[in-house]
Each structure stands twice: as structure tokens, then as C-alpha cells.
Amino acid sequence: MAGQDHNILTGAELEESSRNYRRRIVLCSSLFVVFFIFYIASAVIQTPAFAAIAGIPVMGVPLGLLMSLLIFPVSWAIIVVFFVSWR
């Protein structure tokens, strides 16, 4: 075993590894974009210019408050999706 190369990848393995890496980068980028859009949208809705939109009742709660409260659950859901699909 002393002379064998254990960590050398073949061409097919390198190509598969490269595809997996690209897929993971696309996944991570997409999840970040989803969270970023949600976070910015909830922040923008909280501004005085969008007070009418923030006051729309959704399930008995103003939309602005609901979106603010959903920031953490949405981020947790995105983290779960990340770990499940990273395998």
C-alpha cells in the first residue's frame, strides 16, 4: 500500500466532481438570492412610502409585521433545503 496513489482522480471522476461543484454553486447562489429578495422586500415594505402595503391584513396580521416575523423561519427553511440537497 505504500506505493499506491489513493487520492488521484481519473478524468471521468474529475468531470463528475466539477459538475457536482457547479450544481452546488448554483444551489447556494439560488438560495442566497431567494433569501436576499425576501429580506429586501420585507425591509422595503416597512418604509413609510409603502405604509399602505405594509398595513394590508394577512391572516389578521399586517403584511409588514408578518414579513418581519417570517424572516427567521424562511432562513431556517432555506438552511434545511441547503443541507438536504447538499448531500
PDB file of N, CA and C in Angstrom:
ATOM      1  N   MET A   1       0.800  -1.193   0.000  1.00  0.00           N
ATOM      2  CA  MET A   1       0.000   0.000   0.000  1.00  0.00           C
ATOM      3  C   MET A   1       0.849   1.266   0.000  1.00  0.00           C
ATOM      4  N   ALA A   2       2.090   1.166   0.308  1.00  0.00           N
ATOM      5  CA  ALA A   2       2.906   2.355   0.438  1.00  0.00           C
ATOM      6  C   ALA A   2       3.114   3.072  -0.890  1.00  0.00           C
ATOM      7  N   GLY A   3       3.123   2.340  -2.019  1.00  0.00           N
ATOM      8  CA  GLY A   3       3.401   2.956  -3.298  1.00  0.00           C
ATOM      9  C   GLY A   3       2.167   3.328  -4.098  1.00  0.00           C
ATOM     10  N   GLN A   4       0.980   3.046  -3.604  1.00  0.00           N
ATOM     11  CA  GLN A   4      -0.233   3.302  -4.375  1.00  0.00           C
ATOM     12  C   GLN A   4      -0.698   4.746  -4.181  1.00  0.00           C
ATOM     13  N   ASP A   5      -1.284   5.267  -5.255  1.00  0.00           N
ATOM     14  CA  ASP A   5      -1.853   6.619  -5.203  1.00  0.00           C
ATOM     15  C   ASP A   5      -3.339   6.500  -4.891  1.00  0.00           C
ATOM     16  N   HIS A   6      -3.730   6.869  -3.686  1.00  0.00           N
ATOM     17  CA  HIS A   6      -5.115   6.705  -3.253  1.00  0.00           C
ATOM     18  C   HIS A   6      -5.991   7.899  -3.600  1.00  0.00           C
ATOM     19  N   ASN A   7      -5.426   9.058  -3.734  1.00  0.00           N
ATOM     20  CA  ASN A   7      -6.227  10.268  -3.901  1.00  0.00           C
ATOM     21  C   ASN A   7      -6.146  10.865  -5.302  1.00  0.00           C
ATOM     22  N   ILE A   8      -5.797  10.058  -6.291  1.00  0.00           N
ATOM     23  CA  ILE A   8      -5.719  10.553  -7.659  1.00  0.00           C
ATOM     24  C   ILE A   8      -7.021  10.204  -8.362  1.00  0.00           C
ATOM     25  N   LEU A   9      -7.639  11.230  -8.977  1.00  0.00           N
ATOM     26  CA  LEU A   9      -8.916  11.051  -9.656  1.00  0.00           C
ATOM     27  C   LEU A   9      -8.690  10.839 -11.143  1.00  0.00           C
ATOM     28  N   THR A  10      -9.545  10.035 -11.735  1.00  0.00           N
ATOM     29  CA  THR A  10      -9.500   9.831 -13.179  1.00  0.00           C
ATOM     30  C   THR A  10     -10.209  10.994 -13.865  1.00  0.00           C
ATOM     31  N   GLY A  11     -10.152  11.035 -15.182  1.00  0.00           N
ATOM     32  CA  GLY A  11     -10.795  12.107 -15.937  1.00  0.00           C
ATOM     33  C   GLY A  11     -12.297  12.143 -15.723  1.00  0.00           C
ATOM     34  N   ALA A  12     -12.933  10.977 -15.703  1.00  0.00           N
ATOM     35  CA  ALA A  12     -14.385  10.914 -15.501  1.00  0.00           C
ATOM     36  C   ALA A  12     -14.761  11.386 -14.104  1.00  0.00           C
ATOM     37  N   GLU A  13     -13.957  11.010 -13.120  1.00  0.00           N
ATOM     38  CA  GLU A  13     -14.234  11.439 -11.755  1.00  0.00           C
ATOM     39  C   GLU A  13     -14.048  12.945 -11.596  1.00  0.00           C
ATOM     40  N   LEU A  14     -13.042  13.501 -12.279  1.00  0.00           N
ATOM     41  CA  LEU A  14     -12.841  14.951 -12.238  1.00  0.00           C
ATOM     42  C   LEU A  14     -14.005  15.690 -12.880  1.00  0.00           C
ATOM     43  N   GLU A  15     -14.504  15.173 -13.998  1.00  0.00           N
ATOM     44  CA  GLU A  15     -15.638  15.813 -14.672  1.00  0.00           C
ATOM     45  C   GLU A  15     -16.897  15.742 -13.811  1.00  0.00           C
ATOM     46  N   GLU A  16     -17.131  14.587 -13.189  1.00  0.00           N
ATOM     47  CA  GLU A  16     -18.290  14.447 -12.304  1.00  0.00           C
ATOM     48  C   GLU A  16     -18.154  15.367 -11.093  1.00  0.00           C
ATOM     49  N   SER A  17     -16.966  15.455 -10.546  1.00  0.00           N
ATOM     50  CA  SER A  17     -16.725  16.342  -9.408  1.00  0.00           C
ATOM     51  C   SER A  17     -16.958  17.795  -9.807  1.00  0.00           C
ATOM     52  N   SER A  18     -16.527  18.157 -10.992  1.00  0.00           N
ATOM     53  CA  SER A  18     -16.725  19.520 -11.483  1.00  0.00           C
ATOM     54  C   SER A  18     -18.211  19.827 -11.671  1.00  0.00           C
ATOM     55  N   ARG A  19     -18.977  18.872 -12.211  1.00  0.00           N
ATOM     56  CA  ARG A  19     -20.424  19.062 -12.367  1.00  0.00           C
ATOM     57  C   ARG A  19     -21.109  19.205 -11.012  1.00  0.00           C
ATOM     58  N   ASN A  20     -20.718  18.385 -10.056  1.00  0.00           N
ATOM     59  CA  ASN A  20     -21.300  18.477  -8.713  1.00  0.00           C
ATOM     60  C   ASN A  20     -20.971  19.820  -8.073  1.00  0.00           C
ATOM     61  N   TYR A  21     -19.748  20.286  -8.277  1.00  0.00           N
ATOM     62  CA  TYR A  21     -19.347  21.573  -7.720  1.00  0.00           C
ATOM     63  C   TYR A  21     -20.172  22.703  -8.331  1.00  0.00           C
ATOM     64  N   ARG A  22     -20.351  22.675  -9.654  1.00  0.00           N
ATOM     65  CA  ARG A  22     -21.158  23.699 -10.319  1.00  0.00           C
ATOM     66  C   ARG A  22     -22.600  23.651  -9.844  1.00  0.00           C
ATOM     67  N   ARG A  23     -23.145  22.457  -9.690  1.00  0.00           N
ATOM     68  CA  ARG A  23     -24.524  22.308  -9.214  1.00  0.00           C
ATOM     69  C   ARG A  23     -24.665  22.886  -7.809  1.00  0.00           C
ATOM     70  N   ARG A  24     -23.690  22.640  -6.972  1.00  0.00           N
ATOM     71  CA  ARG A  24     -23.742  23.164  -5.607  1.00  0.00           C
ATOM     72  C   ARG A  24     -23.600  24.686  -5.581  1.00  0.00           C
ATOM     73  N   ILE A  25     -22.774  25.234  -6.446  1.00  0.00           N
ATOM     74  CA  ILE A  25     -22.629  26.688  -6.522  1.00  0.00           C
ATOM     75  C   ILE A  25     -23.934  27.320  -6.977  1.00  0.00           C
ATOM     76  N   VAL A  26     -24.579  26.725  -7.968  1.00  0.00           N
ATOM     77  CA  VAL A  26     -25.871  27.238  -8.440  1.00  0.00           C
ATOM     78  C   VAL A  26     -26.908  27.143  -7.330  1.00  0.00           C
ATOM     79  N   LEU A  27     -26.920  26.036  -6.607  1.00  0.00           N
ATOM     80  CA  LEU A  27     -27.859  25.861  -5.495  1.00  0.00           C
ATOM     81  C   LEU A  27     -27.633  26.929  -4.427  1.00  0.00           C
ATOM     82  N   CYS A  28     -26.393  27.108  -4.013  1.00  0.00           N
ATOM     83  CA  CYS A  28     -26.090  28.091  -2.967  1.00  0.00           C
ATOM     84  C   CYS A  28     -26.449  29.504  -3.422  1.00  0.00           C
ATOM     85  N   SER A  29     -26.111  29.822  -4.642  1.00  0.00           N
ATOM     86  CA  SER A  29     -26.416  31.150  -5.166  1.00  0.00           C
ATOM     87  C   SER A  29     -27.917  31.378  -5.239  1.00  0.00           C
ATOM     88  N   SER A  30     -28.648  30.373  -5.680  1.00  0.00           N
ATOM     89  CA  SER A  30     -30.107  30.495  -5.786  1.00  0.00           C
ATOM     90  C   SER A  30     -30.749  30.680  -4.418  1.00  0.00           C
ATOM     91  N   LEU A  31     -30.301  29.901  -3.448  1.00  0.00           N
ATOM     92  CA  LEU A  31     -30.853  30.035  -2.102  1.00  0.00           C
ATOM     93  C   LEU A  31     -30.536  31.412  -1.521  1.00  0.00           C
ATOM     94  N   PHE A  32     -29.337  31.915  -1.774  1.00  0.00           N
ATOM     95  CA  PHE A  32     -28.988  33.245  -1.299  1.00  0.00           C
ATOM     96  C   PHE A  32     -29.867  34.304  -1.955  1.00  0.00           C
ATOM     97  N   VAL A  33     -30.094  34.180  -3.254  1.00  0.00           N
ATOM     98  CA  VAL A  33     -30.927  35.157  -3.968  1.00  0.00           C
ATOM     99  C   VAL A  33     -32.354  35.141  -3.428  1.00  0.00           C
ATOM    100  N   VAL A  34     -32.895  33.953  -3.165  1.00  0.00           N
ATOM    101  CA  VAL A  34     -34.252  33.852  -2.611  1.00  0.00           C
ATOM    102  C   VAL A  34     -34.324  34.564  -1.266  1.00  0.00           C
ATOM    103  N   PHE A  35     -33.375  34.298  -0.390  1.00  0.00           N
ATOM    104  CA  PHE A  35     -33.400  34.939   0.920  1.00  0.00           C
ATOM    105  C   PHE A  35     -33.176  36.446   0.801  1.00  0.00           C
ATOM    106  N   PHE A  36     -32.252  36.856  -0.051  1.00  0.00           N
ATOM    107  CA  PHE A  36     -31.947  38.270  -0.202  1.00  0.00           C
ATOM    108  C   PHE A  36     -33.166  39.042  -0.702  1.00  0.00           C
ATOM    109  N   ILE A  37     -33.862  38.493  -1.684  1.00  0.00           N
ATOM    110  CA  ILE A  37     -35.063  39.151  -2.216  1.00  0.00           C
ATOM    111  C   ILE A  37     -36.132  39.249  -1.136  1.00  0.00           C
ATOM    112  N   PHE A  38     -36.349  38.167  -0.385  1.00  0.00           N
ATOM    113  CA  PHE A  38     -37.342  38.189   0.687  1.00  0.00           C
ATOM    114  C   PHE A  38     -36.965  39.217   1.747  1.00  0.00           C
ATOM    115  N   TYR A  39     -35.696  39.255   2.131  1.00  0.00           N
ATOM    116  CA  TYR A  39     -35.234  40.168   3.171  1.00  0.00           C
ATOM    117  C   TYR A  39     -35.370  41.623   2.723  1.00  0.00           C
ATOM    118  N   ILE A  40     -34.942  41.926   1.517  1.00  0.00           N
ATOM    119  CA  ILE A  40     -35.039  43.290   0.997  1.00  0.00           C
ATOM    120  C   ILE A  40     -36.500  43.692   0.834  1.00  0.00           C
ATOM    121  N   ALA A  41     -37.333  42.768   0.335  1.00  0.00           N
ATOM    122  CA  ALA A  41     -38.756  43.077   0.171  1.00  0.00           C
ATOM    123  C   ALA A  41     -39.396  43.399   1.518  1.00  0.00           C
ATOM    124  N   SER A  42     -39.069  42.630   2.539  1.00  0.00           N
ATOM    125  CA  SER A  42     -39.657  42.904   3.853  1.00  0.00           C
ATOM    126  C   SER A  42     -39.129  44.230   4.426  1.00  0.00           C
ATOM    127  N   ALA A  43     -37.889  44.567   4.135  1.00  0.00           N
ATOM    128  CA  ALA A  43     -37.342  45.837   4.605  1.00  0.00           C
ATOM    129  C   ALA A  43     -37.964  47.013   3.866  1.00  0.00           C
ATOM    130  N   VAL A  44     -38.153  46.877   2.575  1.00  0.00           N
ATOM    131  CA  VAL A  44     -38.735  47.960   1.778  1.00  0.00           C
ATOM    132  C   VAL A  44     -40.190  48.190   2.167  1.00  0.00           C
ATOM    133  N   ILE A  45     -40.913  47.126   2.428  1.00  0.00           N
ATOM    134  CA  ILE A  45     -42.327  47.256   2.806  1.00  0.00           C
ATOM    135  C   ILE A  45     -42.465  47.994   4.131  1.00  0.00           C
ATOM    136  N   GLN A  46     -41.448  47.958   4.970  1.00  0.00           N
ATOM    137  CA  GLN A  46     -41.503  48.632   6.270  1.00  0.00           C
ATOM    138  C   GLN A  46     -41.289  50.141   6.178  1.00  0.00           C
ATOM    139  N   THR A  47     -40.895  50.644   5.014  1.00  0.00           N
ATOM    140  CA  THR A  47     -40.631  52.077   4.872  1.00  0.00           C
ATOM    141  C   THR A  47     -41.937  52.863   4.808  1.00  0.00           C
ATOM    142  N   PRO A  48     -41.898  54.138   5.165  1.00  0.00           N
ATOM    143  CA  PRO A  48     -43.115  54.963   5.135  1.00  0.00           C
ATOM    144  C   PRO A  48     -43.757  55.056   3.752  1.00  0.00           C
ATOM    145  N   ALA A  49     -42.974  54.964   2.703  1.00  0.00           N
ATOM    146  CA  ALA A  49     -43.530  55.056   1.348  1.00  0.00           C
ATOM    147  C   ALA A  49     -44.472  53.889   1.040  1.00  0.00           C
ATOM    148  N   PHE A  50     -44.272  52.757   1.672  1.00  0.00           N
ATOM    149  CA  PHE A  50     -45.100  51.583   1.432  1.00  0.00           C
ATOM    150  C   PHE A  50     -45.976  51.241   2.637  1.00  0.00           C
ATOM    151  N   ALA A  51     -46.336  52.234   3.402  1.00  0.00           N
ATOM    152  CA  ALA A  51     -47.147  52.007   4.602  1.00  0.00           C
ATOM    153  C   ALA A  51     -48.501  51.389   4.268  1.00  0.00           C
ATOM    154  N   ALA A  52     -49.065  51.766   3.133  1.00  0.00           N
ATOM    155  CA  ALA A  52     -50.365  51.204   2.745  1.00  0.00           C
ATOM    156  C   ALA A  52     -50.246  49.708   2.462  1.00  0.00           C
ATOM    157  N   ILE A  53     -49.156  49.314   1.816  1.00  0.00           N
ATOM    158  CA  ILE A  53     -48.948  47.886   1.533  1.00  0.00           C
ATOM    159  C   ILE A  53     -48.646  47.133   2.824  1.00  0.00           C
ATOM    160  N   ALA A  54     -47.858  47.724   3.694  1.00  0.00           N
ATOM    161  CA  ALA A  54     -47.498  47.077   4.952  1.00  0.00           C
ATOM    162  C   ALA A  54     -48.712  46.889   5.854  1.00  0.00           C
ATOM    163  N   GLY A  55     -49.725  47.711   5.667  1.00  0.00           N
ATOM    164  CA  GLY A  55     -50.916  47.615   6.506  1.00  0.00           C
ATOM    165  C   GLY A  55     -51.968  46.649   6.008  1.00  0.00           C
ATOM    166  N   ILE A  56     -51.761  46.029   4.850  1.00  0.00           N
ATOM    167  CA  ILE A  56     -52.732  45.061   4.327  1.00  0.00           C
ATOM    168  C   ILE A  56     -52.823  43.874   5.284  1.00  0.00           C
ATOM    169  N   PRO A  57     -54.024  43.555   5.750  1.00  0.00           N
ATOM    170  CA  PRO A  57     -54.138  42.421   6.683  1.00  0.00           C
ATOM    171  C   PRO A  57     -54.002  41.066   5.966  1.00  0.00           C
ATOM    172  N   VAL A  58     -53.158  40.238   6.527  1.00  0.00           N
ATOM    173  CA  VAL A  58     -52.966  38.872   6.038  1.00  0.00           C
ATOM    174  C   VAL A  58     -53.085  37.963   7.250  1.00  0.00           C
ATOM    175  N   MET A  59     -54.107  37.128   7.270  1.00  0.00           N
ATOM    176  CA  MET A  59     -54.378  36.239   8.404  1.00  0.00           C
ATOM    177  C   MET A  59     -54.500  37.032   9.703  1.00  0.00           C
ATOM    178  N   GLY A  60     -55.075  38.216   9.612  1.00  0.00           N
ATOM    179  CA  GLY A  60     -55.306  39.037  10.793  1.00  0.00           C
ATOM    180  C   GLY A  60     -54.105  39.822  11.267  1.00  0.00           C
ATOM    181  N   VAL A  61     -53.002  39.786  10.529  1.00  0.00           N
ATOM    182  CA  VAL A  61     -51.772  40.472  10.911  1.00  0.00           C
ATOM    183  C   VAL A  61     -51.374  41.380   9.746  1.00  0.00           C
ATOM    184  N   PRO A  62     -50.902  42.590  10.012  1.00  0.00           N
ATOM    185  CA  PRO A  62     -50.428  43.439   8.909  1.00  0.00           C
ATOM    186  C   PRO A  62     -49.285  42.766   8.136  1.00  0.00           C
ATOM    187  N   LEU A  63     -49.297  42.940   6.829  1.00  0.00           N
ATOM    188  CA  LEU A  63     -48.313  42.285   5.963  1.00  0.00           C
ATOM    189  C   LEU A  63     -46.880  42.627   6.360  1.00  0.00           C
ATOM    190  N   GLY A  64     -46.614  43.873   6.700  1.00  0.00           N
ATOM    191  CA  GLY A  64     -45.263  44.269   7.098  1.00  0.00           C
ATOM    192  C   GLY A  64     -44.780  43.523   8.330  1.00  0.00           C
ATOM    193  N   LEU A  65     -45.644  43.406   9.323  1.00  0.00           N
ATOM    194  CA  LEU A  65     -45.287  42.675  10.538  1.00  0.00           C
ATOM    195  C   LEU A  65     -45.099  41.185  10.235  1.00  0.00           C
ATOM    196  N   LEU A  66     -45.984  40.629   9.429  1.00  0.00           N
ATOM    197  CA  LEU A  66     -45.889  39.205   9.089  1.00  0.00           C
ATOM    198  C   LEU A  66     -44.580  38.901   8.372  1.00  0.00           C
ATOM    199  N   MET A  67     -44.219  39.738   7.412  1.00  0.00           N
ATOM    200  CA  MET A  67     -42.957  39.504   6.696  1.00  0.00           C
ATOM    201  C   MET A  67     -41.762  39.646   7.623  1.00  0.00           C
ATOM    202  N   SER A  68     -41.817  40.588   8.551  1.00  0.00           N
ATOM    203  CA  SER A  68     -40.729  40.737   9.524  1.00  0.00           C
ATOM    204  C   SER A  68     -40.613  39.501  10.410  1.00  0.00           C
ATOM    205  N   LEU A  69     -41.747  38.967  10.815  1.00  0.00           N
ATOM    206  CA  LEU A  69     -41.729  37.783  11.672  1.00  0.00           C
ATOM    207  C   LEU A  69     -41.306  36.526  10.909  1.00  0.00           C
ATOM    208  N   LEU A  70     -41.493  36.524   9.601  1.00  0.00           N
ATOM    209  CA  LEU A  70     -41.162  35.344   8.800  1.00  0.00           C
ATOM    210  C   LEU A  70     -39.700  35.298   8.346  1.00  0.00           C
ATOM    211  N   ILE A  71     -38.918  36.320   8.640  1.00  0.00           N
ATOM    212  CA  ILE A  71     -37.529  36.319   8.180  1.00  0.00           C
ATOM    213  C   ILE A  71     -36.759  35.124   8.748  1.00  0.00           C
ATOM    214  N   PHE A  72     -36.879  34.872  10.045  1.00  0.00           N
ATOM    215  CA  PHE A  72     -36.148  33.747  10.621  1.00  0.00           C
ATOM    216  C   PHE A  72     -36.684  32.394  10.158  1.00  0.00           C
ATOM    217  N   PRO A  73     -37.992  32.147  10.156  1.00  0.00           N
ATOM    218  CA  PRO A  73     -38.459  30.853   9.647  1.00  0.00           C
ATOM    219  C   PRO A  73     -38.083  30.612   8.177  1.00  0.00           C
ATOM    220  N   VAL A  74     -38.113  31.656   7.368  1.00  0.00           N
ATOM    221  CA  VAL A  74     -37.711  31.495   5.967  1.00  0.00           C
ATOM    222  C   VAL A  74     -36.229  31.145   5.887  1.00  0.00           C
ATOM    223  N   SER A  75     -35.414  31.796   6.679  1.00  0.00           N
ATOM    224  CA  SER A  75     -33.984  31.468   6.653  1.00  0.00           C
ATOM    225  C   SER A  75     -33.738  30.051   7.153  1.00  0.00           C
ATOM    226  N   TRP A  76     -34.478  29.609   8.160  1.00  0.00           N
ATOM    227  CA  TRP A  76     -34.327  28.225   8.633  1.00  0.00           C
ATOM    228  C   TRP A  76     -34.746  27.231   7.563  1.00  0.00           C
ATOM    229  N   ALA A  77     -35.829  27.523   6.862  1.00  0.00           N
ATOM    230  CA  ALA A  77     -36.274  26.636   5.785  1.00  0.00           C
ATOM    231  C   ALA A  77     -35.220  26.577   4.678  1.00  0.00           C
ATOM    232  N   ILE A  78     -34.618  27.704   4.362  1.00  0.00           N
ATOM    233  CA  ILE A  78     -33.574  27.718   3.338  1.00  0.00           C
ATOM    234  C   ILE A  78     -32.363  26.917   3.804  1.00  0.00           C
ATOM    235  N   ILE A  79     -32.022  26.999   5.069  1.00  0.00           N
ATOM    236  CA  ILE A  79     -30.902  26.219   5.604  1.00  0.00           C
ATOM    237  C   ILE A  79     -31.208  24.727   5.517  1.00  0.00           C
ATOM    238  N   VAL A  80     -32.433  24.333   5.825  1.00  0.00           N
ATOM    239  CA  VAL A  80     -32.820  22.927   5.722  1.00  0.00           C
ATOM    240  C   VAL A  80     -32.714  22.461   4.275  1.00  0.00           C
ATOM    241  N   VAL A  81     -33.220  23.254   3.347  1.00  0.00           N
ATOM    242  CA  VAL A  81     -33.115  22.893   1.922  1.00  0.00           C
ATOM    243  C   VAL A  81     -31.652  22.766   1.527  1.00  0.00           C
ATOM    244  N   PHE A  82     -30.822  23.662   1.998  1.00  0.00           N
ATOM    245  CA  PHE A  82     -29.391  23.620   1.686  1.00  0.00           C
ATOM    246  C   PHE A  82     -28.769  22.310   2.167  1.00  0.00           C
ATOM    247  N   PHE A  83     -28.986  21.944   3.415  1.00  0.00           N
ATOM    248  CA  PHE A  83     -28.352  20.742   3.955  1.00  0.00           C
ATOM    249  C   PHE A  83     -28.918  19.461   3.335  1.00  0.00           C
ATOM    250  N   VAL A  84     -30.205  19.448   3.058  1.00  0.00           N
ATOM    251  CA  VAL A  84     -30.800  18.249   2.458  1.00  0.00           C
ATOM    252  C   VAL A  84     -30.293  18.059   1.040  1.00  0.00           C
ATOM    253  N   SER A  85     -30.199  19.119   0.279  1.00  0.00           N
ATOM    254  CA  SER A  85     -29.781  18.972  -1.108  1.00  0.00           C
ATOM    255  C   SER A  85     -28.268  18.957  -1.283  1.00  0.00           C
ATOM    256  N   TRP A  86     -27.505  19.298  -0.268  1.00  0.00           N
ATOM    257  CA  TRP A  86     -26.050  19.287  -0.367  1.00  0.00           C
ATOM    258  C   TRP A  86     -25.497  17.865  -0.350  1.00  0.00           C
ATOM    259  N   ARG A  87     -26.243  16.926   0.207  1.00  0.00           N
ATOM    260  CA  ARG A  87     -25.759  15.548   0.314  1.00  0.00           C
ATOM    261  C   ARG A  87     -25.450  14.937  -0.998  1.00  0.00           C
TER     262      ARG A  87
END
